[in-house]
C-alpha atoms as a PDB file:
ATOM      1  CA  MET A   1       4.457  -4.663  16.267  1.00  0.00           C
ATOM      2  CA  THR A   2       7.663  -2.595  17.914  1.00  0.00           C
ATOM      3  CA  LYS A   3       7.086   1.075  18.495  1.00  0.00           C
ATOM      4  CA  LEU A   4      10.166   2.793  17.549  1.00  0.00           C
ATOM      5  CA  LEU A   5       9.533   6.373  17.725  1.00  0.00           C
ATOM      6  CA  ALA A   6       6.938   8.803  19.211  1.00  0.00           C
ATOM      7  CA  GLN A   7       5.265  12.131  18.766  1.00  0.00           C
ATOM      8  CA  PRO A   8       6.866  15.551  18.980  1.00  0.00           C
ATOM      9  CA  ASN A   9       3.647  17.247  20.106  1.00  0.00           C
ATOM     10  CA  ARG A  10       2.029  14.833  22.372  1.00  0.00           C
ATOM     11  CA  THR A  11       5.024  12.412  22.816  1.00  0.00           C
ATOM     12  CA  GLN A  12       6.080  11.556  19.404  1.00  0.00           C
ATOM     13  CA  PRO A  13       4.749  10.120  16.223  1.00  0.00           C
ATOM     14  CA  ARG A  14       4.501   6.187  16.714  1.00  0.00           C
ATOM     15  CA  VAL A  15       6.235   3.891  14.368  1.00  0.00           C
ATOM     16  CA  ASN A  16       5.233   0.568  14.403  1.00  0.00           C
ATOM     17  CA  ARG A  17       7.033  -2.590  12.599  1.00  0.00           C
ATOM     18  CA  GLY A  18       5.270  -5.245  11.267  1.00  0.00           C
ATOM     19  CA  ALA A  19       1.926  -6.053  10.081  1.00  0.00           C
ATOM     20  CA  THR A  20      -0.090  -8.040   7.795  1.00  0.00           C
ATOM     21  CA  PRO A  21      -2.537  -8.614   4.598  1.00  0.00           C
ATOM     22  CA  VAL A  22      -5.828  -6.237   2.120  1.00  0.00           C
ATOM     23  CA  SER A  23      -7.466  -6.633  -1.206  1.00  0.00           C
ATOM     24  CA  ALA A  24      -7.787  -6.342  -4.787  1.00  0.00           C
ATOM     25  CA  HIS A  25      -9.712  -8.590  -7.156  1.00  0.00           C
ATOM     26  CA  ALA A  26      -9.548  -5.998  -9.644  1.00  0.00           C
ATOM     27  CA  ALA A  27     -12.160  -6.022 -12.434  1.00  0.00           C
ATOM     28  CA  THR A  28     -10.429  -3.598 -15.257  1.00  0.00           C
ATOM     29  CA  ALA A  29      -7.516  -4.836 -17.104  1.00  0.00           C
ATOM     30  CA  LEU A  30      -5.267  -8.087 -17.964  1.00  0.00           C
ATOM     31  CA  SER A  31      -5.201 -11.387 -16.338  1.00  0.00           C
ATOM     32  CA  ALA A  32      -1.630 -12.661 -15.975  1.00  0.00           C
ATOM     33  CA  ASP A  33      -2.032 -14.563 -19.060  1.00  0.00           C
ATOM     34  CA  GLY A  34      -4.288 -12.452 -21.084  1.00  0.00           C
ATOM     35  CA  VAL A  35      -7.023 -14.884 -20.494  1.00  0.00           C
ATOM     36  CA  ASN A  36     -10.695 -13.651 -19.921  1.00  0.00           C
ATOM     37  CA  ASN A  37     -12.000 -16.229 -17.178  1.00  0.00           C
ATOM     38  CA  THR A  38     -14.735 -14.139 -14.926  1.00  0.00           C
ATOM     39  CA  TRP A  39     -13.059 -15.560 -11.788  1.00  0.00           C
ATOM     40  CA  LEU A  40      -9.441 -14.692 -12.613  1.00  0.00           C
ATOM     41  CA  HIS A  41      -7.998 -11.875 -10.654  1.00  0.00           C
ATOM     42  CA  MET A  42      -6.644  -9.255 -12.849  1.00  0.00           C
ATOM     43  CA  LEU A  43      -3.821  -7.128 -13.373  1.00  0.00           C
ATOM     44  CA  PRO A  44      -5.158  -3.361 -12.906  1.00  0.00           C
ATOM     45  CA  LEU A  45      -4.416  -0.869 -15.359  1.00  0.00           C
ATOM     46  CA  LEU A  46      -2.218   2.125 -14.454  1.00  0.00           C
ATOM     47  CA  PRO A  47      -4.149   5.214 -14.336  1.00  0.00           C
ATOM     48  CA  TYR A  48      -1.118   6.828 -16.180  1.00  0.00           C
ATOM     49  CA  GLY A  49       1.509   5.857 -18.425  1.00  0.00           C
ATOM     50  CA  TYR A  50       4.612   4.309 -17.940  1.00  0.00           C
ATOM     51  CA  ALA A  51       6.706   7.681 -18.740  1.00  0.00           C
ATOM     52  CA  ALA A  52       4.158   9.968 -16.570  1.00  0.00           C
ATOM     53  CA  LEU A  53       6.037   9.599 -13.438  1.00  0.00           C
ATOM     54  CA  GLU A  54       9.476  10.430 -14.885  1.00  0.00           C
ATOM     55  CA  PRO A  55      11.942  12.083 -13.655  1.00  0.00           C
ATOM     56  CA  ALA A  56      11.092  10.547 -10.165  1.00  0.00           C
ATOM     57  CA  ILE A  57      10.473   7.162 -11.557  1.00  0.00           C
ATOM     58  CA  ASP A  58      11.651   6.408 -15.128  1.00  0.00           C
ATOM     59  CA  ARG A  59       9.771   4.315 -17.885  1.00  0.00           C
ATOM     60  CA  GLN A  60      11.787   1.104 -18.022  1.00  0.00           C
ATOM     61  CA  SER A  61      11.331   0.588 -14.037  1.00  0.00           C
ATOM     62  CA  LEU A  62       7.398   1.280 -13.825  1.00  0.00           C
ATOM     63  CA  LYS A  63       7.214  -0.898 -16.717  1.00  0.00           C
ATOM     64  CA  LEU A  64       9.138  -3.605 -15.252  1.00  0.00           C
ATOM     65  CA  HIS A  65       7.380  -3.119 -11.801  1.00  0.00           C
ATOM     66  CA  HIS A  66       3.842  -3.503 -13.178  1.00  0.00           C
ATOM     67  CA  SER A  67       3.952  -5.368 -16.310  1.00  0.00           C
ATOM     68  CA  VAL A  68       6.729  -8.073 -14.607  1.00  0.00           C
ATOM     69  CA  HIS A  69       6.553  -7.974 -11.035  1.00  0.00           C
ATOM     70  CA  HIS A  70       3.243  -7.121 -10.272  1.00  0.00           C
ATOM     71  CA  LYS A  71       1.908  -9.697 -13.044  1.00  0.00           C
ATOM     72  CA  ALA A  72       3.644 -12.195 -11.565  1.00  0.00           C
ATOM     73  CA  TYR A  73       2.110 -12.008  -8.224  1.00  0.00           C
ATOM     74  CA  VAL A  74      -1.243 -12.195 -10.144  1.00  0.00           C
ATOM     75  CA  LYS A  75      -0.260 -15.307 -12.179  1.00  0.00           C
ATOM     76  CA  GLN A  76       0.835 -17.263  -8.815  1.00  0.00           C
ATOM     77  CA  LEU A  77      -2.480 -16.284  -7.119  1.00  0.00           C
ATOM     78  CA  ASN A  78      -4.451 -17.434 -10.034  1.00  0.00           C
ATOM     79  CA  GLN A  79      -2.541 -20.734 -10.407  1.00  0.00           C
ATOM     80  CA  ALA A  80      -2.703 -21.272  -6.441  1.00  0.00           C
ATOM     81  CA  LEU A  81      -6.430 -21.096  -6.706  1.00  0.00           C
ATOM     82  CA  LEU A  82      -6.957 -23.515  -9.794  1.00  0.00           C
ATOM     83  CA  GLU A  83      -7.955 -26.369  -7.406  1.00  0.00           C
ATOM     84  CA  TYR A  84     -10.100 -24.534  -5.370  1.00  0.00           C
ATOM     85  CA  PRO A  85     -13.140 -23.576  -7.006  1.00  0.00           C
ATOM     86  CA  ALA A  86     -14.431 -22.516  -3.501  1.00  0.00           C
ATOM     87  CA  LEU A  87     -12.000 -19.948  -3.214  1.00  0.00           C
ATOM     88  CA  GLN A  88     -11.786 -18.499  -6.658  1.00  0.00           C
ATOM     89  CA  ARG A  89     -14.392 -15.803  -6.446  1.00  0.00           C
ATOM     90  CA  LYS A  90     -13.112 -14.496  -3.371  1.00  0.00           C
ATOM     91  CA  SER A  91     -11.503 -10.933  -3.268  1.00  0.00           C
ATOM     92  CA  ALA A  92      -7.463 -11.057  -2.511  1.00  0.00           C
ATOM     93  CA  GLN A  93      -8.684  -9.188   0.216  1.00  0.00           C
ATOM     94  CA  TRP A  94     -10.715 -11.687   1.969  1.00  0.00           C
ATOM     95  CA  LEU A  95      -8.139 -14.277   0.997  1.00  0.00           C
ATOM     96  CA  LEU A  96      -5.548 -12.310   3.094  1.00  0.00           C
ATOM     97  CA  LEU A  97      -7.820 -11.565   6.096  1.00  0.00           C
ATOM     98  CA  ASN A  98      -9.227 -14.934   6.260  1.00  0.00           C
ATOM     99  CA  LEU A  99      -5.676 -17.122   5.857  1.00  0.00           C
ATOM    100  CA  GLU A 100      -6.847 -19.616   8.573  1.00  0.00           C
ATOM    101  CA  LEU A 101      -9.917 -20.692   6.246  1.00  0.00           C
ATOM    102  CA  ILE A 102      -7.415 -21.358   3.388  1.00  0.00           C
ATOM    103  CA  PRO A 103      -5.850 -25.003   2.898  1.00  0.00           C
ATOM    104  CA  THR A 104      -2.476 -25.330   4.530  1.00  0.00           C
ATOM    105  CA  GLU A 105      -0.795 -26.463   1.546  1.00  0.00           C
ATOM    106  CA  ILE A 106      -1.511 -23.248  -0.323  1.00  0.00           C
ATOM    107  CA  ARG A 107      -1.748 -20.931   2.470  1.00  0.00           C
ATOM    108  CA  GLN A 108       1.843 -19.144   2.050  1.00  0.00           C
ATOM    109  CA  LYS A 109       1.432 -18.776  -1.636  1.00  0.00           C
ATOM    110  CA  ILE A 110      -1.764 -17.027  -1.254  1.00  0.00           C
ATOM    111  CA  LYS A 111      -0.245 -14.570   1.564  1.00  0.00           C
ATOM    112  CA  ASN A 112       2.597 -13.891  -0.473  1.00  0.00           C
ATOM    113  CA  SER A 113       0.817 -13.536  -3.796  1.00  0.00           C
ATOM    114  CA  ALA A 114      -2.300 -11.717  -2.676  1.00  0.00           C
ATOM    115  CA  GLY A 115      -0.351  -9.428  -0.812  1.00  0.00           C
ATOM    116  CA  GLY A 116       1.973  -8.599  -3.502  1.00  0.00           C
ATOM    117  CA  HIS A 117      -1.073  -7.854  -5.655  1.00  0.00           C
ATOM    118  CA  VAL A 118      -2.902  -5.997  -3.143  1.00  0.00           C
ATOM    119  CA  ASN A 119      -0.123  -3.920  -1.890  1.00  0.00           C
ATOM    120  CA  HIS A 120       0.827  -2.959  -5.840  1.00  0.00           C
ATOM    121  CA  SER A 121      -2.667  -2.155  -6.443  1.00  0.00           C
ATOM    122  CA  LEU A 122      -2.768   0.317  -3.774  1.00  0.00           C
ATOM    123  CA  PHE A 123       0.632   1.937  -4.708  1.00  0.00           C
ATOM    124  CA  TRP A 124      -0.162   2.642  -8.207  1.00  0.00           C
ATOM    125  CA  GLN A 125      -3.145   4.885  -7.195  1.00  0.00           C
ATOM    126  CA  ALA A 126      -1.063   6.601  -4.365  1.00  0.00           C
ATOM    127  CA  MET A 127       1.007   7.829  -7.380  1.00  0.00           C
ATOM    128  CA  SER A 128       0.286  10.457  -9.865  1.00  0.00           C
ATOM    129  CA  PRO A 129       2.297  12.666 -12.449  1.00  0.00           C
ATOM    130  CA  GLN A 130       3.610  15.847 -10.562  1.00  0.00           C
ATOM    131  CA  LEU A 131       0.901  18.575 -10.481  1.00  0.00           C
ATOM    132  CA  SER A 132       3.313  21.769 -10.181  1.00  0.00           C
ATOM    133  CA  ASP A 133       7.019  22.336 -10.532  1.00  0.00           C
ATOM    134  CA  HIS A 134       8.991  19.350  -9.818  1.00  0.00           C
ATOM    135  CA  ALA A 135      11.530  21.547  -7.466  1.00  0.00           C
ATOM    136  CA  THR A 136       8.701  22.315  -5.141  1.00  0.00           C
ATOM    137  CA  GLY A 137       7.904  18.696  -4.306  1.00  0.00           C
ATOM    138  CA  GLY A 138       4.394  18.769  -5.889  1.00  0.00           C
ATOM    139  CA  VAL A 139       1.023  19.586  -4.500  1.00  0.00           C
ATOM    140  CA  ASP A 140       1.081  19.219  -0.519  1.00  0.00           C
ATOM    141  CA  PRO A 141      -1.889  17.833   1.243  1.00  0.00           C
ATOM    142  CA  THR A 142      -4.587  20.121   2.455  1.00  0.00           C
ATOM    143  CA  GLY A 143      -7.626  20.206   4.559  1.00  0.00           C
ATOM    144  CA  GLN A 144      -8.338  17.588   7.545  1.00  0.00           C
ATOM    145  CA  LEU A 145      -5.226  15.397   6.327  1.00  0.00           C
ATOM    146  CA  ALA A 146      -2.853  18.081   6.638  1.00  0.00           C
ATOM    147  CA  ASP A 147      -4.367  19.218  10.134  1.00  0.00           C
ATOM    148  CA  ALA A 148      -3.873  15.658  10.932  1.00  0.00           C
ATOM    149  CA  ILE A 149      -0.271  15.192   9.862  1.00  0.00           C
ATOM    150  CA  ALA A 150       0.645  18.476  11.483  1.00  0.00           C
ATOM    151  CA  ARG A 151      -1.152  17.554  14.834  1.00  0.00           C
ATOM    152  CA  GLU A 152       0.816  14.148  14.939  1.00  0.00           C
ATOM    153  CA  PHE A 153       4.179  14.797  13.268  1.00  0.00           C
ATOM    154  CA  SER A 154       4.704  18.432  13.996  1.00  0.00           C
ATOM    155  CA  SER A 155       5.030  19.277  10.223  1.00  0.00           C
ATOM    156  CA  LEU A 156       4.829  18.019   6.630  1.00  0.00           C
ATOM    157  CA  ASP A 157       8.615  18.197   6.500  1.00  0.00           C
ATOM    158  CA  PHE A 158       9.240  16.475   9.515  1.00  0.00           C
ATOM    159  CA  PHE A 159       6.650  13.711   8.344  1.00  0.00           C
ATOM    160  CA  LYS A 160       8.651  13.199   5.043  1.00  0.00           C
ATOM    161  CA  THR A 161      11.858  12.990   7.023  1.00  0.00           C
ATOM    162  CA  LEU A 162      10.656  10.282   9.395  1.00  0.00           C
ATOM    163  CA  PHE A 163       8.668   8.344   6.398  1.00  0.00           C
ATOM    164  CA  THR A 164      11.832   8.664   4.307  1.00  0.00           C
ATOM    165  CA  ASN A 165      14.319   7.546   7.479  1.00  0.00           C
ATOM    166  CA  THR A 166      11.936   4.548   8.325  1.00  0.00           C
ATOM    167  CA  ALA A 167      11.738   3.374   4.751  1.00  0.00           C
ATOM    168  CA  VAL A 168      15.377   3.515   4.450  1.00  0.00           C
ATOM    169  CA  SER A 169      15.889   1.486   7.646  1.00  0.00           C
ATOM    170  CA  VAL A 170      13.728  -1.300   6.361  1.00  0.00           C
ATOM    171  CA  PHE A 171      15.956  -4.450   6.393  1.00  0.00           C
ATOM    172  CA  GLY A 172      15.457  -6.541   3.142  1.00  0.00           C
ATOM    173  CA  SER A 173      12.199  -6.379   1.224  1.00  0.00           C
ATOM    174  CA  GLY A 174       9.018  -4.408   2.783  1.00  0.00           C
ATOM    175  CA  TRP A 175       6.692  -1.647   2.875  1.00  0.00           C
ATOM    176  CA  VAL A 176       6.250   1.823   4.597  1.00  0.00           C
ATOM    177  CA  TRP A 177       3.112   3.133   5.412  1.00  0.00           C
ATOM    178  CA  LEU A 178       0.737   5.781   7.031  1.00  0.00           C
ATOM    179  CA  VAL A 179      -2.037   4.414   8.327  1.00  0.00           C
ATOM    180  CA  ARG A 180      -5.037   5.735  10.195  1.00  0.00           C
ATOM    181  CA  THR A 181      -5.725   3.946  13.700  1.00  0.00           C
ATOM    182  CA  GLN A 182      -9.129   2.984  14.942  1.00  0.00           C
ATOM    183  CA  GLU A 183      -8.443   3.723  18.556  1.00  0.00           C
ATOM    184  CA  ASP A 184      -7.051   7.021  20.184  1.00  0.00           C
ATOM    185  CA  ASP A 185      -9.526   9.185  17.997  1.00  0.00           C
ATOM    186  CA  GLY A 186      -8.209   7.883  14.694  1.00  0.00           C
ATOM    187  CA  ARG A 187      -4.243   8.809  15.025  1.00  0.00           C
ATOM    188  CA  LEU A 188      -1.656   8.793  12.292  1.00  0.00           C
ATOM    189  CA  GLU A 189       0.789   6.048  12.616  1.00  0.00           C
ATOM    190  CA  LEU A 190       3.983   4.860  10.455  1.00  0.00           C
ATOM    191  CA  ILE A 191       4.029   1.189   9.950  1.00  0.00           C
ATOM    192  CA  THR A 192       6.623  -0.851   8.170  1.00  0.00           C
ATOM    193  CA  THR A 193       5.829  -4.328   7.096  1.00  0.00           C
ATOM    194  CA  GLU A 194       7.940  -7.204   5.801  1.00  0.00           C
ATOM    195  CA  GLY A 195       7.623  -9.017   2.409  1.00  0.00           C
ATOM    196  CA  HIS A 196       4.109  -7.961   1.238  1.00  0.00           C
ATOM    197  CA  ASP A 197       2.201  -7.965   4.649  1.00  0.00           C
ATOM    198  CA  ASN A 198      -0.429  -5.444   5.093  1.00  0.00           C
ATOM    199  CA  PRO A 199      -1.345  -3.373   8.119  1.00  0.00           C
ATOM    200  CA  MET A 200      -5.266  -3.911   7.555  1.00  0.00           C
ATOM    201  CA  ALA A 201      -4.967  -7.262   9.270  1.00  0.00           C
ATOM    202  CA  GLN A 202      -4.176  -5.224  12.419  1.00  0.00           C
ATOM    203  CA  GLY A 203      -7.196  -3.376  11.653  1.00  0.00           C
ATOM    204  CA  TYR A 204      -5.183   0.058  10.240  1.00  0.00           C
ATOM    205  CA  TYR A 205      -6.867   2.032   7.483  1.00  0.00           C
ATOM    206  CA  PRO A 206      -3.555   2.269   4.971  1.00  0.00           C
ATOM    207  CA  LEU A 207      -3.522   5.896   3.875  1.00  0.00           C
ATOM    208  CA  LEU A 208      -0.096   6.005   2.066  1.00  0.00           C
ATOM    209  CA  LEU A 209       2.433   3.249   1.200  1.00  0.00           C
ATOM    210  CA  CYS A 210       5.970   2.997  -0.751  1.00  0.00           C
ATOM    211  CA  ASP A 211       7.554  -0.225  -1.740  1.00  0.00           C
ATOM    212  CA  VAL A 212      10.722  -0.441  -0.880  1.00  0.00           C
ATOM    213  CA  TRP A 213      11.848  -3.847  -2.398  1.00  0.00           C
ATOM    214  CA  GLU A 214      14.622  -3.495  -4.620  1.00  0.00           C
ATOM    215  CA  HIS A 215      12.710  -4.288  -7.960  1.00  0.00           C
ATOM    216  CA  ALA A 216      10.994  -0.833  -7.187  1.00  0.00           C
ATOM    217  CA  TYR A 217      14.102   1.208  -7.663  1.00  0.00           C
ATOM    218  CA  TYR A 218      17.130  -0.452  -8.478  1.00  0.00           C
ATOM    219  CA  LEU A 219      17.246   0.012 -12.391  1.00  0.00           C
ATOM    220  CA  GLN A 220      17.550   3.670 -11.916  1.00  0.00           C
ATOM    221  CA  TYR A 221      18.469   4.303  -8.402  1.00  0.00           C
ATOM    222  CA  LYS A 222      20.920   1.296  -7.875  1.00  0.00           C
ATOM    223  CA  ASN A 223      21.464   0.551  -4.130  1.00  0.00           C
ATOM    224  CA  SER A 224      20.225   4.154  -3.174  1.00  0.00           C
ATOM    225  CA  ARG A 225      17.134   3.633  -1.541  1.00  0.00           C
ATOM    226  CA  ARG A 226      17.188   7.069   0.004  1.00  0.00           C
ATOM    227  CA  GLU A 227      17.616   9.185  -3.273  1.00  0.00           C
ATOM    228  CA  TYR A 228      14.705   6.992  -4.596  1.00  0.00           C
ATOM    229  CA  LEU A 229      12.510   7.992  -1.615  1.00  0.00           C
ATOM    230  CA  GLU A 230      13.387  11.621  -1.701  1.00  0.00           C
ATOM    231  CA  GLN A 231      12.183  11.922  -5.602  1.00  0.00           C
ATOM    232  CA  TRP A 232       9.260   9.419  -4.577  1.00  0.00           C
ATOM    233  CA  TRP A 233       7.754  12.486  -2.888  1.00  0.00           C
ATOM    234  CA  HIS A 234       7.499  14.316  -6.158  1.00  0.00           C
ATOM    235  CA  VAL A 235       4.761  11.832  -7.494  1.00  0.00           C
ATOM    236  CA  VAL A 236       2.856  11.223  -4.263  1.00  0.00           C
ATOM    237  CA  ASN A 237      -0.969  11.528  -5.111  1.00  0.00           C
ATOM    238  CA  TRP A 238      -2.044  13.397  -1.991  1.00  0.00           C
ATOM    239  CA  ARG A 239      -5.688  13.845  -3.475  1.00  0.00           C
ATOM    240  CA  GLU A 240      -5.948  10.061  -3.199  1.00  0.00           C
ATOM    241  CA  VAL A 241      -4.612  10.112   0.359  1.00  0.00           C
ATOM    242  CA  GLU A 242      -7.013  12.730   1.405  1.00  0.00           C
ATOM    243  CA  ARG A 243      -9.892  10.352  -0.398  1.00  0.00           C
ATOM    244  CA  ARG A 244      -8.897   7.493   1.816  1.00  0.00           C
ATOM    245  CA  TYR A 245      -8.364   9.682   5.069  1.00  0.00           C
ATOM    246  CA  ALA A 246     -11.828  11.234   4.588  1.00  0.00           C
ATOM    247  CA  GLU A 247     -13.343   7.554   3.886  1.00  0.00           C
ATOM    248  CA  ALA A 248     -11.483   6.271   6.813  1.00  0.00           C
ATOM    249  CA  LYS A 249     -13.201   8.867   9.184  1.00  0.00           C
ATOM    250  CA  HIS A 250     -16.340   8.175   7.754  1.00  0.00           C
ATOM    251  CA  ARG A 251     -16.184   4.554   8.227  1.00  0.00           C
ATOM    252  CA  ALA A 252     -14.133   4.427  11.533  1.00  0.00           C
ATOM    253  CA  ALA A 253     -17.489   4.758  13.996  1.00  0.00           C
ATOM    254  CA  ALA A 254     -18.864   1.634  12.282  1.00  0.00           C
ATOM    255  CA  LEU A 255     -16.018  -0.678  12.819  1.00  0.00           C
ATOM    256  CA  PRO A 256     -15.216  -3.103  15.610  1.00  0.00           C
ATOM    257  CA  GLN A 257     -12.144  -2.817  17.957  1.00  0.00           C
ATOM    258  CA  VAL A 258      -8.879  -3.926  16.247  1.00  0.00           C
ATOM    259  CA  SER A 259      -8.900  -7.493  17.385  1.00  0.00           C
ATOM    260  CA  LYS A 260     -11.954  -8.334  15.343  1.00  0.00           C
ATOM    261  CA  ALA A 261     -11.406  -5.873  12.408  1.00  0.00           C
ATOM    262  CA  PRO A 262      -9.799  -8.013  10.121  1.00  0.00           C
ATOM    263  CA  LYS A 263     -12.935 -10.248   9.378  1.00  0.00           C
ATOM    264  CA  LEU A 264     -15.177  -7.246   8.843  1.00  0.00           C
ATOM    265  CA  LEU A 265     -13.222  -4.137   7.620  1.00  0.00           C
ATOM    266  CA  THR A 266     -14.882  -2.422   4.932  1.00  0.00           C
ATOM    267  CA  GLN A 267     -13.025  -2.070   1.396  1.00  0.00           C
ATOM    268  CA  LEU A 268     -11.793   1.342   0.991  1.00  0.00           C
ATOM    269  CA  TRP A 269     -10.167   1.213  -2.307  1.00  0.00           C
ATOM    270  CA  ARG A 270     -11.113   1.693  -5.989  1.00  0.00           C
ATOM    271  CA  HIS A 271     -10.331  -1.494  -8.307  1.00  0.00           C
ATOM    272  CA  ALA A 272     -10.469  -3.851  -5.497  1.00  0.00           C
ATOM    273  CA  ALA A 273     -13.680  -5.895  -5.760  1.00  0.00           C
END
C-alpha cells in the first residue's frame, strides 16, 4: 500500500492504496436462489427499504445494487463451494483471510465473490435514512469518533473532502475506507482497495466504506462519481461507524501484530457469522 497524503496536525492524514479481504455468512435473508440450505451464504436483508435513502440514492439504483449485484456475488460464492464440503460452513471472512488454504482452482473465485459479499454487507449497514434536514448533511459523528477525526484530519469537513477526493481518484472499480490501525495508538487512515479487496487482511479495522464501482451510482449519477459521493454523505450512518470505532478500541489491546492479524481478527459486524 502506498501512502498518498499525510496529516495536517502531526504531518498529515495517511491515505493508503491497496489492501485486501473480511466476512459475511449472513444468517438472515435469502439465499441467492431462494434455497434454504443451512450452509449457504445468504443475501442479507437491507435494514431499510429500497426508497429509504432517496434522494441521495434512488430506489432503482439501490434495488439493482442489492438484489442483482450483491445477489450475484452470493450466488457465485455458493456455486464455487458446491464441490468443497469442508469449506461450506466457513464464513466468508474466514475464506478471505485464509486464501492460501483454498484450492487453487477456486481461489480467485472465492476471493472475488466472498469479497463482494462481505464488502456490500458492511456497506448497507454503513448507511441509513437521513436523520435531519438534507441540507445539513445529516447527523454528524459524536464522542470519541468525532474527537479522533478532528485529531487526525483537523476537521470533519476536511476529512469529508479528503475522503471524497480519494474516492474520485480511484482508477476503475474499488472501494474507499476509513480504518483504524492497530499500531500508533489506533490512528485513523484512509485506504483504497481494488476490486472487492478488504483492508482487514492488512490488520485494519474498517469503520466506514463507500462503493465506487460504477454499478453503485451509474443509473442515477451517470459518470459523475463526485456528485454521487457528495450526496452519499447525507445517508452515512455515523451511529454505526461510532459503534465500529468503539468495538475496535475495545478489542485492539487483545489483537496480535498486523503481520499475524488476518488469521486471528475478531469478527466486528452484525449479520456476519
